[in-house]
Amino acid sequence: MREVVVISGKGGTGKTSFSASFAYLEGSNAVVCDCDVDAANMHLLLDANFKNQSDFFSGEIAIIDEDSCTNCGDCFEACKFDAITITNNLSYIDFNKCVLCRACVEVCPTNAIWEVYFPPRKIKPEKKKAEKTNEEPKPIKIVTDSVSATDSDKKEDNTQNNEPTQEG
């Protein structure tokens, strides 16, 4: 049995087409698993015979507690992925659209949105601030190798005899 795994990469580069080509060459012996999170669509390229099909949930979900929710709409406005809908004065989270960004959790005034099995928050490192000292800044010495025309003229004048001349 041969195993080919195609993982990661920028969207739209042809990973699914490439994988489907190998599956097609393998023929009826191929076992194909399209785990694309955003668009599992290899079945469109192959004449798929689904032995088993089920929805997949990673376990990381956000849940809205209906008893605590005041239907203020703040979560709906905060969600940039259109994962929250409001129907009949009830807010719902579409688990297929939710990307666990926590924007809804942050804005909910009643803490009605719960994080279930969310990954730990990433802690951003603090930027180090420059320490203040009482020392005055040291002056910067600028050195140049170029000599201006007026400087060279002055040098030539200094090399000549500077005694006053008397004219008749």
Protein backbone atom coordinates (compact mmCIF):
# COMPACT_ATOMS: atom_id res chain seq x y z
CA MET A 1 0.00 0.00 0.00
CA ARG A 2 1.32 3.43 -0.92
CA GLU A 3 0.64 6.45 1.22
CA VAL A 4 0.75 10.01 -0.06
CA VAL A 5 0.12 12.91 2.29
CA VAL A 6 -0.18 16.49 1.07
CA ILE A 7 -0.23 19.02 3.85
CA SER A 8 -0.07 22.75 4.37
CA GLY A 9 0.55 25.49 1.87
CA LYS A 10 -1.03 28.60 0.52
CA GLY A 11 -4.63 28.29 -0.61
CA GLY A 12 -5.26 27.96 -4.33
CA THR A 13 -1.94 26.32 -5.23
CA GLY A 14 -3.46 23.05 -6.40
CA LYS A 15 -2.97 20.71 -3.44
CA THR A 16 -6.42 19.15 -3.92
CA SER A 17 -5.96 18.76 -7.69
CA PHE A 18 -2.53 17.21 -7.16
CA SER A 19 -3.85 14.78 -4.53
CA ALA A 20 -6.90 13.88 -6.61
CA SER A 21 -4.62 13.04 -9.55
CA PHE A 22 -2.69 10.55 -7.43
CA ALA A 23 -5.92 9.06 -6.08
CA TYR A 24 -7.22 8.68 -9.65
CA LEU A 25 -4.03 6.90 -10.73
CA GLU A 26 -4.33 4.50 -7.77
CA GLY A 27 -7.83 3.56 -8.92
CA SER A 28 -10.39 1.72 -6.84
CA ASN A 29 -7.83 0.82 -4.17
CA ALA A 30 -7.43 4.45 -3.13
CA VAL A 31 -8.56 5.54 0.29
CA VAL A 32 -8.93 9.31 0.23
CA CYS A 33 -9.40 11.65 3.14
CA ASP A 34 -9.85 15.35 2.36
CA CYS A 35 -9.18 17.17 5.63
CA ASP A 36 -9.23 20.69 4.23
CA VAL A 37 -10.71 22.78 7.03
CA ASP A 38 -12.11 25.53 4.83
CA ALA A 39 -13.27 23.65 1.75
CA ALA A 40 -13.11 19.87 1.66
CA ASN A 41 -14.08 19.48 -1.99
CA MET A 42 -12.02 16.62 -3.43
CA HIS A 43 -15.27 14.72 -3.95
CA LEU A 44 -16.02 17.18 -6.76
CA LEU A 45 -12.97 15.95 -8.67
CA LEU A 46 -13.40 12.24 -8.00
CA ASP A 47 -16.39 9.94 -8.40
CA ALA A 48 -16.57 9.53 -4.64
CA ASN A 49 -18.10 6.44 -3.09
CA PHE A 50 -18.67 7.51 0.50
CA LYS A 51 -18.38 4.54 2.84
CA ASN A 52 -18.60 6.76 5.86
CA GLN A 53 -19.47 10.41 6.14
CA SER A 54 -19.91 12.52 9.25
CA ASP A 55 -19.51 16.06 10.46
CA PHE A 56 -16.32 16.75 12.34
CA PHE A 57 -16.05 19.00 15.37
CA SER A 58 -12.73 19.53 17.02
CA GLY A 59 -14.30 20.00 20.43
CA GLU A 60 -13.35 23.67 20.56
CA ILE A 61 -16.59 25.60 20.46
CA ALA A 62 -18.21 28.73 21.82
CA ILE A 63 -21.62 28.33 23.42
CA ILE A 64 -24.16 31.06 24.13
CA ASP A 65 -26.03 30.61 27.40
CA GLU A 66 -29.59 31.53 26.46
CA ASP A 67 -30.52 32.36 30.06
CA SER A 68 -27.69 34.90 30.42
CA CYS A 69 -27.91 36.37 26.91
CA THR A 70 -29.72 39.72 26.71
CA ASN A 71 -29.72 39.74 22.88
CA CYS A 72 -27.87 43.05 22.79
CA GLY A 73 -26.24 42.12 19.47
CA ASP A 74 -22.70 43.07 20.53
CA CYS A 75 -21.41 39.58 19.68
CA PHE A 76 -23.07 39.73 16.26
CA GLU A 77 -21.38 43.06 15.52
CA ALA A 78 -17.98 41.89 16.82
CA CYS A 79 -17.83 38.69 14.77
CA LYS A 80 -15.90 39.34 11.55
CA PHE A 81 -16.57 35.81 10.25
CA ASP A 82 -20.40 35.96 10.19
CA ALA A 83 -20.50 33.03 12.63
CA ILE A 84 -23.22 34.57 14.82
CA THR A 85 -26.82 34.95 13.75
CA ILE A 86 -29.80 36.30 15.64
CA THR A 87 -33.11 34.58 15.04
CA ASN A 88 -36.29 35.12 17.06
CA ASN A 89 -34.34 37.17 19.61
CA LEU A 90 -31.89 34.31 20.17
CA SER A 91 -28.21 34.38 19.22
CA TYR A 92 -26.65 31.31 17.60
CA ILE A 93 -23.05 30.43 16.73
CA ASP A 94 -22.38 28.56 13.49
CA PHE A 95 -19.60 26.16 14.46
CA ASN A 96 -18.51 25.80 10.84
CA LYS A 97 -17.80 29.53 10.57
CA CYS A 98 -16.41 30.18 14.06
CA VAL A 99 -12.61 30.48 14.05
CA LEU A 100 -12.24 30.75 17.84
CA CYS A 101 -11.07 34.37 17.70
CA ARG A 102 -12.84 35.19 21.00
CA ALA A 103 -14.12 38.57 19.76
CA CYS A 104 -17.65 37.68 20.87
CA VAL A 105 -16.45 36.52 24.29
CA GLU A 106 -14.60 39.81 24.84
CA VAL A 107 -17.58 42.06 24.05
CA CYS A 108 -20.38 40.15 25.78
CA PRO A 109 -21.56 42.36 28.67
CA THR A 110 -23.16 39.46 30.58
CA ASN A 111 -20.46 36.80 29.97
CA ALA A 112 -23.08 34.65 28.27
CA ILE A 113 -20.61 33.17 25.76
CA TRP A 114 -18.55 30.29 27.08
CA GLU A 115 -15.31 28.98 25.62
CA VAL A 116 -15.42 25.18 25.57
CA TYR A 117 -12.07 23.45 25.04
CA PHE A 118 -10.57 26.58 23.51
CA PRO A 119 -6.81 26.56 23.00
CA PRO A 120 -4.91 28.61 25.58
CA ARG A 121 -4.61 32.30 24.86
CA LYS A 122 -1.36 33.33 23.28
CA ILE A 123 0.44 35.77 25.52
CA LYS A 124 2.10 38.52 23.57
CA PRO A 125 5.57 39.40 24.86
CA GLU A 126 5.81 42.86 26.33
CA LYS A 127 8.01 45.32 24.52
CA LYS A 128 10.99 46.36 26.57
CA LYS A 129 11.03 50.05 27.36
CA ALA A 130 14.28 51.97 27.27
CA GLU A 131 15.60 52.63 30.74
CA LYS A 132 15.78 56.28 31.71
CA THR A 133 19.12 57.54 32.96
CA ASN A 134 20.22 60.88 34.33
CA GLU A 135 23.20 60.99 32.00
CA GLU A 136 23.17 63.53 29.23
CA PRO A 137 23.47 62.13 25.75
CA LYS A 138 26.99 62.05 24.41
CA PRO A 139 27.64 64.27 21.41
CA ILE A 140 28.12 62.54 18.11
CA LYS A 141 31.36 63.31 16.29
CA ILE A 142 30.93 63.52 12.53
CA VAL A 143 34.03 62.87 10.45
CA THR A 144 34.14 63.59 6.76
CA ASP A 145 36.87 62.91 4.24
CA SER A 146 35.74 65.48 1.73
CA VAL A 147 37.31 68.90 1.52
CA SER A 148 35.41 71.88 0.20
CA ALA A 149 36.84 74.24 -2.42
CA THR A 150 37.08 77.09 0.07
CA ASP A 151 39.05 74.90 2.48
CA SER A 152 41.58 73.96 -0.21
CA ASP A 153 41.93 77.61 -1.23
CA LYS A 154 42.75 78.53 2.36
CA LYS A 155 45.37 75.78 2.54
CA GLU A 156 47.09 77.07 -0.60
CA ASP A 157 47.15 80.66 0.72
CA ASN A 158 48.81 79.53 3.96
CA THR A 159 51.65 77.83 2.09
CA GLN A 160 52.64 81.00 0.17
CA ASN A 161 54.76 83.77 1.58
CA ASN A 162 52.38 86.05 3.40
CA GLU A 163 54.78 89.01 3.71
CA PRO A 164 53.33 92.28 2.50
CA THR A 165 54.70 93.52 -0.79
CA GLN A 166 55.55 97.09 -1.62
CA GLU A 167 54.70 98.34 -4.97
CA GLY A 168 56.59 101.23 -6.45
